[in-house]
Amino acid sequence: MTIQLYCFGESGNAYKAALALELSGLDWEPVKVDFFAGAARTPEYRTQVNKMGEVPVMVDGDIRLTQSGVIQDYVSEKSGKFGGKDAGERREILRWVLWDNHKLSSTAGVTRFLMHFLSKDKRPQEVIAFNQGRLKAAYTILNDHLADRSWIVGDSITNADISCCGYLYYPESFGFDRADWPNIDAWLTRISDTPGWQHPYDLMPGSPADRA
């Protein structure tokens, strides 16, 4: 049975789940959620798809999962990939996934939204500047961690990498320039060189160009 992933191209969190599915080799297909038209806020979506009104949502037969980290864990369980070699690696992967969700992706996603998906007259410059400061601190932690290693955990790509890269391939500027963070830059290249990798706007339906 083909796994379905409710998603849209602009969502970095959906990209984490989509990229894990794509690189795993599991059979899956995207289901576009027209987020910017309010699709995720409708009563039908909240009752039939996800009561939290969010993406991603993965459906595999009778199994329905939300939150990217949970979906990544399921993909690892089903495919045997990206979950670490032992209990110690699994805990370290979880540590970085939780760090990313709290410190990196959450701030990157909000900042990108405020800078590019709000009208210019509604963009809160002080909030954006504050968030960019937080992002710089997160980039420093990740860049330093990657100074002497190819992957965040272990010797191959894991859910830690797939989670932390979620917002870093998007072309919309939100305070991240790969050239300023050479270790992150090299790491992102390693990920994109992985067979099966696709850019978020190629892997999932929907992009800012569709609304231009």
N, C-alpha and C. Protein backbone atom coordinates (compact mmCIF):
# COMPACT_ATOMS: atom_id res chain seq x y z
N MET A 1 0.84 -1.19 0.00
CA MET A 1 0.00 0.00 0.00
C MET A 1 0.87 1.24 0.00
N THR A 2 0.51 2.20 -0.82
CA THR A 2 1.27 3.44 -0.93
C THR A 2 1.02 4.34 0.27
N ILE A 3 2.07 4.79 0.90
CA ILE A 3 1.97 5.74 2.01
C ILE A 3 1.59 7.10 1.44
N GLN A 4 0.70 7.78 2.10
CA GLN A 4 0.33 9.14 1.72
C GLN A 4 0.90 10.13 2.73
N LEU A 5 1.39 11.23 2.21
CA LEU A 5 1.90 12.29 3.07
C LEU A 5 1.20 13.59 2.72
N TYR A 6 0.39 14.10 3.64
CA TYR A 6 -0.24 15.40 3.47
C TYR A 6 0.83 16.46 3.71
N CYS A 7 1.03 17.32 2.72
CA CYS A 7 2.17 18.23 2.78
C CYS A 7 1.96 19.38 1.81
N PHE A 8 2.87 20.34 1.84
CA PHE A 8 2.96 21.36 0.79
C PHE A 8 4.40 21.84 0.73
N GLY A 9 4.80 22.29 -0.45
CA GLY A 9 6.22 22.53 -0.72
C GLY A 9 6.89 23.53 0.18
N GLU A 10 6.15 24.53 0.66
CA GLU A 10 6.77 25.58 1.46
C GLU A 10 7.07 25.15 2.89
N SER A 11 6.57 24.01 3.31
CA SER A 11 6.72 23.58 4.70
C SER A 11 8.01 22.79 4.92
N GLY A 12 8.91 23.38 5.69
CA GLY A 12 10.14 22.68 6.04
C GLY A 12 9.90 21.46 6.91
N ASN A 13 8.89 21.52 7.76
CA ASN A 13 8.58 20.36 8.59
C ASN A 13 8.04 19.22 7.75
N ALA A 14 7.20 19.53 6.77
CA ALA A 14 6.74 18.49 5.87
C ALA A 14 7.90 17.92 5.05
N TYR A 15 8.85 18.79 4.71
CA TYR A 15 10.01 18.33 3.94
C TYR A 15 10.80 17.28 4.69
N LYS A 16 10.91 17.42 6.00
CA LYS A 16 11.63 16.42 6.79
C LYS A 16 11.02 15.04 6.62
N ALA A 17 9.70 14.98 6.66
CA ALA A 17 9.01 13.71 6.51
C ALA A 17 9.11 13.20 5.07
N ALA A 18 8.91 14.11 4.11
CA ALA A 18 8.97 13.73 2.70
C ALA A 18 10.36 13.24 2.32
N LEU A 19 11.40 13.93 2.80
CA LEU A 19 12.77 13.53 2.47
C LEU A 19 13.10 12.17 3.08
N ALA A 20 12.66 11.95 4.31
CA ALA A 20 12.89 10.63 4.94
C ALA A 20 12.21 9.54 4.13
N LEU A 21 10.98 9.77 3.71
CA LEU A 21 10.27 8.78 2.90
C LEU A 21 10.98 8.54 1.58
N GLU A 22 11.38 9.62 0.91
CA GLU A 22 12.01 9.49 -0.40
C GLU A 22 13.34 8.75 -0.32
N LEU A 23 14.16 9.11 0.64
CA LEU A 23 15.48 8.47 0.76
C LEU A 23 15.38 7.04 1.28
N SER A 24 14.29 6.72 1.96
CA SER A 24 14.12 5.38 2.51
C SER A 24 13.83 4.35 1.43
N GLY A 25 13.28 4.78 0.31
CA GLY A 25 12.89 3.84 -0.73
C GLY A 25 11.49 3.30 -0.56
N LEU A 26 10.76 3.71 0.48
CA LEU A 26 9.39 3.27 0.67
C LEU A 26 8.49 3.88 -0.40
N ASP A 27 7.41 3.20 -0.72
CA ASP A 27 6.46 3.68 -1.71
C ASP A 27 5.54 4.72 -1.06
N TRP A 28 5.58 5.94 -1.58
CA TRP A 28 4.78 7.01 -0.98
C TRP A 28 4.36 8.01 -2.05
N GLU A 29 3.38 8.82 -1.71
CA GLU A 29 2.93 9.88 -2.60
C GLU A 29 2.51 11.09 -1.78
N PRO A 30 2.75 12.30 -2.30
CA PRO A 30 2.32 13.50 -1.60
C PRO A 30 0.86 13.80 -1.86
N VAL A 31 0.19 14.34 -0.86
CA VAL A 31 -1.16 14.84 -0.98
C VAL A 31 -1.09 16.33 -0.65
N LYS A 32 -1.34 17.19 -1.65
CA LYS A 32 -1.17 18.61 -1.44
C LYS A 32 -2.22 19.18 -0.49
N VAL A 33 -1.75 19.93 0.48
CA VAL A 33 -2.62 20.70 1.36
C VAL A 33 -2.46 22.16 0.97
N ASP A 34 -3.52 22.79 0.54
CA ASP A 34 -3.45 24.18 0.11
C ASP A 34 -3.48 25.08 1.35
N PHE A 35 -2.35 25.09 2.04
CA PHE A 35 -2.26 25.74 3.34
C PHE A 35 -2.58 27.22 3.27
N PHE A 36 -2.06 27.89 2.26
CA PHE A 36 -2.22 29.34 2.20
C PHE A 36 -3.64 29.74 1.79
N ALA A 37 -4.43 28.79 1.33
CA ALA A 37 -5.85 29.04 1.08
C ALA A 37 -6.70 28.64 2.27
N GLY A 38 -6.04 28.22 3.36
CA GLY A 38 -6.76 27.89 4.59
C GLY A 38 -7.23 26.46 4.71
N ALA A 39 -6.71 25.57 3.85
CA ALA A 39 -7.20 24.19 3.85
C ALA A 39 -7.01 23.49 5.19
N ALA A 40 -5.91 23.76 5.87
CA ALA A 40 -5.62 23.07 7.13
C ALA A 40 -6.44 23.61 8.30
N ARG A 41 -7.15 24.72 8.07
CA ARG A 41 -7.95 25.31 9.14
C ARG A 41 -9.43 24.98 9.03
N THR A 42 -9.79 24.21 8.02
CA THR A 42 -11.20 23.89 7.83
C THR A 42 -11.64 22.83 8.84
N PRO A 43 -12.92 22.81 9.20
CA PRO A 43 -13.43 21.76 10.10
C PRO A 43 -13.20 20.36 9.52
N GLU A 44 -13.30 20.23 8.20
CA GLU A 44 -13.12 18.92 7.57
C GLU A 44 -11.70 18.41 7.78
N TYR A 45 -10.73 19.30 7.58
CA TYR A 45 -9.33 18.89 7.77
C TYR A 45 -9.07 18.51 9.22
N ARG A 46 -9.57 19.31 10.14
CA ARG A 46 -9.31 19.08 11.56
C ARG A 46 -10.01 17.82 12.07
N THR A 47 -11.11 17.45 11.49
CA THR A 47 -11.81 16.24 11.94
C THR A 47 -11.37 15.00 11.18
N GLN A 48 -10.99 15.15 9.91
CA GLN A 48 -10.69 13.99 9.08
C GLN A 48 -9.20 13.74 8.87
N VAL A 49 -8.37 14.79 9.03
CA VAL A 49 -6.94 14.64 8.74
C VAL A 49 -6.09 14.84 9.99
N ASN A 50 -6.16 16.03 10.57
CA ASN A 50 -5.31 16.33 11.74
C ASN A 50 -5.99 17.41 12.58
N LYS A 51 -6.39 17.05 13.77
CA LYS A 51 -7.09 18.00 14.63
C LYS A 51 -6.20 19.17 15.04
N MET A 52 -4.88 19.03 14.89
CA MET A 52 -3.97 20.13 15.19
C MET A 52 -3.92 21.16 14.07
N GLY A 53 -4.50 20.83 12.92
CA GLY A 53 -4.50 21.77 11.80
C GLY A 53 -3.13 22.01 11.21
N GLU A 54 -2.32 20.97 11.14
CA GLU A 54 -0.93 21.11 10.68
C GLU A 54 -0.61 20.07 9.62
N VAL A 55 0.51 20.28 8.96
CA VAL A 55 1.20 19.26 8.18
C VAL A 55 2.58 19.10 8.82
N PRO A 56 3.23 17.96 8.59
CA PRO A 56 2.81 16.83 7.78
C PRO A 56 1.88 15.87 8.52
N VAL A 57 1.14 15.11 7.73
CA VAL A 57 0.34 13.99 8.23
C VAL A 57 0.64 12.81 7.33
N MET A 58 1.02 11.69 7.92
CA MET A 58 1.31 10.48 7.16
C MET A 58 0.22 9.45 7.41
N VAL A 59 -0.25 8.85 6.33
CA VAL A 59 -1.26 7.79 6.42
C VAL A 59 -0.71 6.55 5.73
N ASP A 60 -0.62 5.48 6.49
CA ASP A 60 -0.16 4.18 5.97
C ASP A 60 -1.18 3.14 6.41
N GLY A 61 -2.15 2.89 5.55
CA GLY A 61 -3.22 1.98 5.92
C GLY A 61 -4.03 2.56 7.08
N ASP A 62 -4.08 1.82 8.17
CA ASP A 62 -4.82 2.26 9.35
C ASP A 62 -4.00 3.16 10.26
N ILE A 63 -2.74 3.36 9.91
CA ILE A 63 -1.85 4.17 10.76
C ILE A 63 -1.85 5.60 10.26
N ARG A 64 -2.12 6.53 11.15
CA ARG A 64 -2.11 7.95 10.85
C ARG A 64 -1.21 8.63 11.87
N LEU A 65 -0.17 9.32 11.40
CA LEU A 65 0.79 9.96 12.28
C LEU A 65 0.96 11.43 11.93
N THR A 66 1.16 12.24 12.94
CA THR A 66 1.47 13.65 12.74
C THR A 66 2.77 13.97 13.47
N GLN A 67 3.33 15.14 13.15
CA GLN A 67 4.61 15.63 13.65
C GLN A 67 5.76 14.94 12.92
N SER A 68 6.63 15.74 12.36
CA SER A 68 7.69 15.23 11.49
C SER A 68 8.59 14.22 12.18
N GLY A 69 8.96 14.49 13.44
CA GLY A 69 9.85 13.57 14.13
C GLY A 69 9.24 12.20 14.35
N VAL A 70 7.94 12.16 14.61
CA VAL A 70 7.24 10.89 14.78
C VAL A 70 7.20 10.13 13.45
N ILE A 71 6.92 10.87 12.37
CA ILE A 71 6.89 10.24 11.05
C ILE A 71 8.27 9.71 10.67
N GLN A 72 9.30 10.48 10.95
CA GLN A 72 10.67 10.01 10.68
C GLN A 72 10.97 8.72 11.45
N ASP A 73 10.54 8.67 12.69
CA ASP A 73 10.76 7.48 13.51
C ASP A 73 10.04 6.27 12.90
N TYR A 74 8.83 6.50 12.41
CA TYR A 74 8.07 5.42 11.78
C TYR A 74 8.78 4.95 10.51
N VAL A 75 9.25 5.89 9.71
CA VAL A 75 9.97 5.53 8.48
C VAL A 75 11.20 4.68 8.82
N SER A 76 11.90 5.05 9.88
CA SER A 76 13.07 4.28 10.29
C SER A 76 12.68 2.87 10.72
N GLU A 77 11.59 2.78 11.48
CA GLU A 77 11.12 1.47 11.93
C GLU A 77 10.73 0.58 10.76
N LYS A 78 10.10 1.17 9.76
CA LYS A 78 9.61 0.39 8.62
C LYS A 78 10.70 0.06 7.61
N SER A 79 11.65 0.99 7.44
CA SER A 79 12.68 0.81 6.41
C SER A 79 14.00 0.29 6.95
N GLY A 80 14.21 0.47 8.26
CA GLY A 80 15.50 0.11 8.85
C GLY A 80 16.59 1.13 8.60
N LYS A 81 16.21 2.34 8.17
CA LYS A 81 17.20 3.36 7.84
C LYS A 81 17.05 4.58 8.74
N PHE A 82 18.16 5.28 8.93
CA PHE A 82 18.22 6.62 9.54
C PHE A 82 18.01 6.64 11.05
N GLY A 83 17.87 5.49 11.68
CA GLY A 83 17.55 5.46 13.10
C GLY A 83 18.71 5.19 14.03
N GLY A 84 19.91 5.03 13.49
CA GLY A 84 21.07 4.75 14.33
C GLY A 84 21.38 3.27 14.43
N LYS A 85 22.61 3.00 14.81
CA LYS A 85 23.08 1.61 14.86
C LYS A 85 22.80 0.92 16.19
N ASP A 86 22.62 1.69 17.25
CA ASP A 86 22.39 1.11 18.56
C ASP A 86 21.60 2.09 19.41
N ALA A 87 21.35 1.70 20.66
CA ALA A 87 20.52 2.53 21.54
C ALA A 87 21.17 3.89 21.80
N GLY A 88 22.48 3.90 21.92
CA GLY A 88 23.17 5.17 22.16
C GLY A 88 23.00 6.13 21.00
N GLU A 89 23.14 5.64 19.77
CA GLU A 89 22.94 6.50 18.61
C GLU A 89 21.49 6.94 18.49
N ARG A 90 20.56 6.05 18.80
CA ARG A 90 19.15 6.43 18.71
C ARG A 90 18.82 7.57 19.66
N ARG A 91 19.38 7.51 20.87
CA ARG A 91 19.13 8.59 21.82
C ARG A 91 19.79 9.89 21.36
N GLU A 92 20.97 9.80 20.78
CA GLU A 92 21.65 11.00 20.30
C GLU A 92 20.90 11.61 19.11
N ILE A 93 20.37 10.76 18.24
CA ILE A 93 19.54 11.26 17.14
C ILE A 93 18.32 11.98 17.69
N LEU A 94 17.66 11.38 18.66
CA LEU A 94 16.48 12.01 19.26
C LEU A 94 16.85 13.35 19.90
N ARG A 95 18.01 13.42 20.53
CA ARG A 95 18.45 14.67 21.15
C ARG A 95 18.55 15.78 20.11
N TRP A 96 19.12 15.47 18.96
CA TRP A 96 19.26 16.49 17.91
C TRP A 96 17.93 16.81 17.24
N VAL A 97 17.06 15.83 17.07
CA VAL A 97 15.74 16.11 16.51
C VAL A 97 14.97 17.06 17.42
N LEU A 98 15.02 16.81 18.73
CA LEU A 98 14.33 17.69 19.67
C LEU A 98 14.97 19.07 19.69
N TRP A 99 16.29 19.11 19.64
CA TRP A 99 16.98 20.41 19.59
C TRP A 99 16.57 21.18 18.34
N ASP A 100 16.56 20.49 17.21
CA ASP A 100 16.16 21.16 15.97
C ASP A 100 14.75 21.72 16.06
N ASN A 101 13.82 20.91 16.54
CA ASN A 101 12.43 21.36 16.61
C ASN A 101 12.27 22.55 17.53
N HIS A 102 13.09 22.64 18.55
CA HIS A 102 12.96 23.72 19.52
C HIS A 102 13.79 24.95 19.16
N LYS A 103 15.00 24.73 18.67
CA LYS A 103 15.94 25.84 18.49
C LYS A 103 16.15 26.29 17.04
N LEU A 104 16.09 25.34 16.11
CA LEU A 104 16.46 25.68 14.73
C LEU A 104 15.23 25.80 13.82
N SER A 105 14.56 24.71 13.57
CA SER A 105 13.46 24.73 12.61
C SER A 105 12.30 25.63 13.04
N SER A 106 11.96 25.59 14.31
CA SER A 106 10.83 26.40 14.76
C SER A 106 11.10 27.88 14.51
N THR A 107 12.30 28.32 14.83
CA THR A 107 12.65 29.73 14.63
C THR A 107 12.82 30.06 13.16
N ALA A 108 13.46 29.15 12.41
CA ALA A 108 13.65 29.39 10.98
C ALA A 108 12.32 29.48 10.25
N GLY A 109 11.40 28.59 10.58
CA GLY A 109 10.11 28.58 9.92
C GLY A 109 9.32 29.86 10.17
N VAL A 110 9.30 30.30 11.42
CA VAL A 110 8.58 31.52 11.76
C VAL A 110 9.21 32.73 11.09
N THR A 111 10.55 32.81 11.14
CA THR A 111 11.25 33.95 10.56
C THR A 111 11.03 34.03 9.06
N ARG A 112 11.13 32.90 8.39
CA ARG A 112 10.90 32.86 6.95
C ARG A 112 9.47 33.28 6.62
N PHE A 113 8.51 32.83 7.41
CA PHE A 113 7.12 33.20 7.18
C PHE A 113 6.93 34.71 7.34
N LEU A 114 7.49 35.26 8.41
CA LEU A 114 7.33 36.69 8.66
C LEU A 114 7.98 37.53 7.57
N MET A 115 9.09 37.05 7.03
CA MET A 115 9.84 37.83 6.05
C MET A 115 9.30 37.70 4.62
N HIS A 116 8.63 36.59 4.31
CA HIS A 116 8.28 36.34 2.91
C HIS A 116 6.82 36.05 2.65
N PHE A 117 6.08 35.61 3.66
CA PHE A 117 4.70 35.22 3.42
C PHE A 117 3.69 36.15 4.07
N LEU A 118 4.17 37.22 4.69
CA LEU A 118 3.31 38.31 5.13
C LEU A 118 3.50 39.49 4.17
N SER A 119 2.49 40.31 4.05
CA SER A 119 2.65 41.52 3.24
C SER A 119 3.67 42.43 3.91
N LYS A 120 4.36 43.23 3.13
CA LYS A 120 5.47 44.04 3.63
C LYS A 120 5.06 44.95 4.79
N ASP A 121 3.84 45.45 4.77
CA ASP A 121 3.41 46.36 5.82
C ASP A 121 3.11 45.66 7.13
N LYS A 122 3.09 44.33 7.13
CA LYS A 122 2.77 43.58 8.34
C LYS A 122 3.98 42.82 8.90
N ARG A 123 5.15 43.05 8.33
CA ARG A 123 6.34 42.32 8.78
C ARG A 123 6.94 43.00 10.01
N PRO A 124 6.95 42.33 11.16
CA PRO A 124 7.45 42.93 12.40
C PRO A 124 8.97 42.89 12.47
N GLN A 125 9.61 43.98 12.13
CA GLN A 125 11.06 44.00 11.98
C GLN A 125 11.80 43.67 13.27
N GLU A 126 11.31 44.13 14.41
CA GLU A 126 11.98 43.83 15.68
C GLU A 126 11.90 42.34 16.01
N VAL A 127 10.77 41.73 15.73
CA VAL A 127 10.62 40.30 15.96
C VAL A 127 11.54 39.52 15.02
N ILE A 128 11.58 39.93 13.77
CA ILE A 128 12.46 39.28 12.80
C ILE A 128 13.92 39.36 13.25
N ALA A 129 14.35 40.54 13.67
CA ALA A 129 15.74 40.71 14.12
C ALA A 129 16.04 39.84 15.34
N PHE A 130 15.09 39.78 16.27
CA PHE A 130 15.28 38.93 17.45
C PHE A 130 15.44 37.46 17.05
N ASN A 131 14.55 37.01 16.17
CA ASN A 131 14.63 35.61 15.74
C ASN A 131 15.91 35.32 14.97
N GLN A 132 16.38 36.27 14.18
CA GLN A 132 17.63 36.05 13.45
C GLN A 132 18.81 35.91 14.40
N GLY A 133 18.75 36.61 15.53
CA GLY A 133 19.79 36.43 16.54
C GLY A 133 19.76 35.03 17.13
N ARG A 134 18.57 34.53 17.38
CA ARG A 134 18.43 33.16 17.88
C ARG A 134 18.92 32.15 16.86
N LEU A 135 18.60 32.41 15.59
CA LEU A 135 19.05 31.51 14.53
C LEU A 135 20.57 31.48 14.43
N LYS A 136 21.19 32.64 14.55
CA LYS A 136 22.65 32.68 14.48
C LYS A 136 23.28 31.82 15.57
N ALA A 137 22.70 31.85 16.76
CA ALA A 137 23.20 31.00 17.84
C ALA A 137 23.04 29.52 17.50
N ALA A 138 21.91 29.17 16.88
CA ALA A 138 21.69 27.78 16.50
C ALA A 138 22.64 27.35 15.39
N TYR A 139 22.83 28.21 14.39
CA TYR A 139 23.78 27.89 13.32
C TYR A 139 25.19 27.66 13.89
N THR A 140 25.57 28.46 14.87
CA THR A 140 26.90 28.32 15.47
C THR A 140 27.05 26.96 16.12
N ILE A 141 26.03 26.53 16.86
CA ILE A 141 26.08 25.22 17.51
C ILE A 141 26.23 24.12 16.46
N LEU A 142 25.42 24.17 15.43
CA LEU A 142 25.46 23.12 14.41
C LEU A 142 26.77 23.17 13.62
N ASN A 143 27.21 24.35 13.25
CA ASN A 143 28.45 24.48 12.49
C ASN A 143 29.65 23.97 13.29
N ASP A 144 29.70 24.30 14.58
CA ASP A 144 30.79 23.82 15.42
C ASP A 144 30.75 22.30 15.56
N HIS A 145 29.55 21.75 15.71
CA HIS A 145 29.41 20.30 15.86
C HIS A 145 29.92 19.56 14.62
N LEU A 146 29.73 20.18 13.45
CA LEU A 146 30.12 19.54 12.19
C LEU A 146 31.56 19.81 11.80
N ALA A 147 32.31 20.45 12.67
CA ALA A 147 33.69 20.83 12.32
C ALA A 147 34.57 19.62 12.06
N ASP A 148 34.36 18.52 12.76
CA ASP A 148 35.24 17.36 12.63
C ASP A 148 34.45 16.09 12.34
N ARG A 149 33.29 16.25 11.70
CA ARG A 149 32.49 15.08 11.40
C ARG A 149 31.67 15.34 10.14
N SER A 150 31.29 14.27 9.45
CA SER A 150 30.52 14.40 8.22
C SER A 150 29.02 14.46 8.48
N TRP A 151 28.57 13.79 9.53
CA TRP A 151 27.15 13.70 9.84
C TRP A 151 26.92 14.06 11.30
N ILE A 152 25.71 14.44 11.63
CA ILE A 152 25.44 14.90 13.00
C ILE A 152 25.63 13.78 14.00
N VAL A 153 25.18 12.58 13.64
CA VAL A 153 25.33 11.41 14.53
C VAL A 153 25.87 10.25 13.71
N GLY A 154 26.90 9.59 14.20
CA GLY A 154 27.41 8.40 13.53
C GLY A 154 28.13 8.71 12.24
N ASP A 155 28.20 7.69 11.38
CA ASP A 155 29.00 7.81 10.16
C ASP A 155 28.16 7.76 8.87
N SER A 156 26.88 8.03 9.00
CA SER A 156 26.01 8.09 7.83
C SER A 156 24.81 8.97 8.13
N ILE A 157 24.04 9.28 7.11
CA ILE A 157 22.88 10.15 7.29
C ILE A 157 21.84 9.51 8.20
N THR A 158 21.30 10.29 9.12
CA THR A 158 20.27 9.81 10.04
C THR A 158 19.14 10.84 10.11
N ASN A 159 18.15 10.52 10.92
CA ASN A 159 17.05 11.46 11.13
C ASN A 159 17.52 12.78 11.73
N ALA A 160 18.64 12.78 12.41
CA ALA A 160 19.18 14.04 12.93
C ALA A 160 19.51 14.99 11.79
N ASP A 161 20.14 14.47 10.75
CA ASP A 161 20.48 15.28 9.59
C ASP A 161 19.22 15.70 8.84
N ILE A 162 18.31 14.76 8.62
CA ILE A 162 17.10 15.05 7.86
C ILE A 162 16.25 16.08 8.58
N SER A 163 16.25 16.06 9.89
CA SER A 163 15.49 17.05 10.65
C SER A 163 16.16 18.41 10.59
N CYS A 164 17.43 18.47 10.88
CA CYS A 164 18.11 19.77 10.98
C CYS A 164 18.24 20.48 9.65
N CYS A 165 18.20 19.76 8.55
CA CYS A 165 18.33 20.41 7.24
C CYS A 165 17.00 20.93 6.71
N GLY A 166 15.91 20.70 7.44
CA GLY A 166 14.58 20.91 6.93
C GLY A 166 14.31 22.26 6.28
N TYR A 167 14.84 23.33 6.85
CA TYR A 167 14.58 24.67 6.31
C TYR A 167 15.78 25.27 5.58
N LEU A 168 16.89 24.55 5.50
CA LEU A 168 18.13 25.18 5.06
C LEU A 168 18.38 25.11 3.56
N TYR A 169 17.49 24.47 2.81
CA TYR A 169 17.62 24.46 1.35
C TYR A 169 16.71 25.47 0.67
N TYR A 170 15.84 26.12 1.43
CA TYR A 170 14.89 27.03 0.80
C TYR A 170 15.59 28.28 0.27
N PRO A 171 15.14 28.78 -0.88
CA PRO A 171 15.81 29.93 -1.49
C PRO A 171 15.46 31.26 -0.84
N GLU A 172 14.33 31.33 -0.12
CA GLU A 172 13.94 32.59 0.51
C GLU A 172 14.87 32.90 1.67
N SER A 173 15.47 34.06 1.65
CA SER A 173 16.43 34.45 2.69
C SER A 173 15.72 34.71 4.01
N PHE A 174 16.26 34.16 5.09
CA PHE A 174 15.69 34.45 6.41
C PHE A 174 16.79 34.59 7.47
N GLY A 175 17.99 34.94 6.99
CA GLY A 175 19.09 35.10 7.92
C GLY A 175 20.07 33.95 7.89
N PHE A 176 20.08 33.18 6.79
CA PHE A 176 21.01 32.08 6.65
C PHE A 176 21.68 32.15 5.30
N ASP A 177 23.00 32.25 5.30
CA ASP A 177 23.79 32.24 4.07
C ASP A 177 24.80 31.11 4.22
N ARG A 178 24.68 30.10 3.38
CA ARG A 178 25.55 28.93 3.52
C ARG A 178 27.03 29.29 3.53
N ALA A 179 27.40 30.32 2.79
CA ALA A 179 28.81 30.71 2.71
C ALA A 179 29.37 31.15 4.05
N ASP A 180 28.49 31.61 4.94
CA ASP A 180 28.94 32.07 6.26
C ASP A 180 29.20 30.91 7.23
N TRP A 181 28.76 29.71 6.86
CA TRP A 181 28.82 28.55 7.76
C TRP A 181 29.41 27.38 6.99
N PRO A 182 30.74 27.34 6.81
CA PRO A 182 31.34 26.37 5.89
C PRO A 182 31.09 24.91 6.25
N ASN A 183 31.03 24.59 7.54
CA ASN A 183 30.79 23.20 7.91
C ASN A 183 29.35 22.79 7.62
N ILE A 184 28.41 23.71 7.85
CA ILE A 184 27.02 23.44 7.47
C ILE A 184 26.90 23.34 5.96
N ASP A 185 27.58 24.22 5.26
CA ASP A 185 27.55 24.21 3.80
C ASP A 185 28.01 22.86 3.25
N ALA A 186 29.12 22.35 3.75
CA ALA A 186 29.64 21.06 3.28
C ALA A 186 28.69 19.92 3.63
N TRP A 187 28.10 20.00 4.81
CA TRP A 187 27.14 18.99 5.25
C TRP A 187 25.89 18.99 4.37
N LEU A 188 25.37 20.18 4.04
CA LEU A 188 24.21 20.25 3.16
C LEU A 188 24.53 19.68 1.78
N THR A 189 25.74 19.88 1.32
CA THR A 189 26.15 19.30 0.04
C THR A 189 26.19 17.79 0.13
N ARG A 190 26.68 17.24 1.25
CA ARG A 190 26.70 15.78 1.43
C ARG A 190 25.28 15.23 1.39
N ILE A 191 24.36 15.93 2.04
CA ILE A 191 22.97 15.46 2.04
C ILE A 191 22.40 15.49 0.62
N SER A 192 22.61 16.61 -0.08
CA SER A 192 22.04 16.73 -1.42
C SER A 192 22.72 15.81 -2.43
N ASP A 193 23.90 15.32 -2.10
CA ASP A 193 24.58 14.33 -2.94
C ASP A 193 24.08 12.91 -2.68
N THR A 194 23.26 12.72 -1.66
CA THR A 194 22.73 11.40 -1.34
C THR A 194 21.77 10.97 -2.44
N PRO A 195 21.92 9.76 -2.98
CA PRO A 195 21.02 9.30 -4.04
C PRO A 195 19.55 9.40 -3.63
N GLY A 196 18.76 10.02 -4.47
CA GLY A 196 17.34 10.17 -4.19
C GLY A 196 16.97 11.53 -3.63
N TRP A 197 17.96 12.33 -3.22
CA TRP A 197 17.64 13.64 -2.65
C TRP A 197 16.94 14.51 -3.68
N GLN A 198 15.97 15.29 -3.20
CA GLN A 198 15.32 16.30 -4.03
C GLN A 198 15.10 17.56 -3.22
N HIS A 199 15.13 18.69 -3.90
CA HIS A 199 14.82 19.97 -3.29
C HIS A 199 13.36 19.96 -2.84
N PRO A 200 13.03 20.69 -1.75
CA PRO A 200 11.64 20.65 -1.27
C PRO A 200 10.61 21.06 -2.31
N TYR A 201 10.93 22.03 -3.18
CA TYR A 201 9.95 22.45 -4.18
C TYR A 201 9.81 21.45 -5.31
N ASP A 202 10.73 20.51 -5.42
CA ASP A 202 10.61 19.42 -6.39
C ASP A 202 9.96 18.18 -5.77
N LEU A 203 10.18 18.00 -4.49
CA LEU A 203 9.72 16.78 -3.83
C LEU A 203 8.25 16.86 -3.44
N MET A 204 7.77 18.07 -3.14
CA MET A 204 6.39 18.26 -2.68
C MET A 204 5.67 19.27 -3.56
N PRO A 205 4.37 19.15 -3.72
CA PRO A 205 3.62 20.12 -4.53
C PRO A 205 3.45 21.44 -3.80
N GLY A 206 3.53 22.53 -4.55
CA GLY A 206 3.33 23.85 -3.98
C GLY A 206 4.61 24.61 -3.81
N SER A 207 4.61 25.89 -4.25
CA SER A 207 5.75 26.78 -4.07
C SER A 207 5.26 28.21 -4.17
N PRO A 208 6.05 29.19 -3.71
CA PRO A 208 5.62 30.58 -3.86
C PRO A 208 5.31 30.99 -5.30
N ALA A 209 5.97 30.34 -6.25
CA ALA A 209 5.73 30.66 -7.66
C ALA A 209 4.28 30.37 -8.06
N ASP A 210 3.67 29.39 -7.39
CA ASP A 210 2.29 29.05 -7.71
C ASP A 210 1.32 30.17 -7.33
N ARG A 211 1.73 31.00 -6.38
CA ARG A 211 0.84 32.06 -5.89
C ARG A 211 1.25 33.44 -6.43
N ALA A 212 2.30 33.45 -7.25
CA ALA A 212 2.80 34.74 -7.77
C ALA A 212 1.79 35.38 -8.72
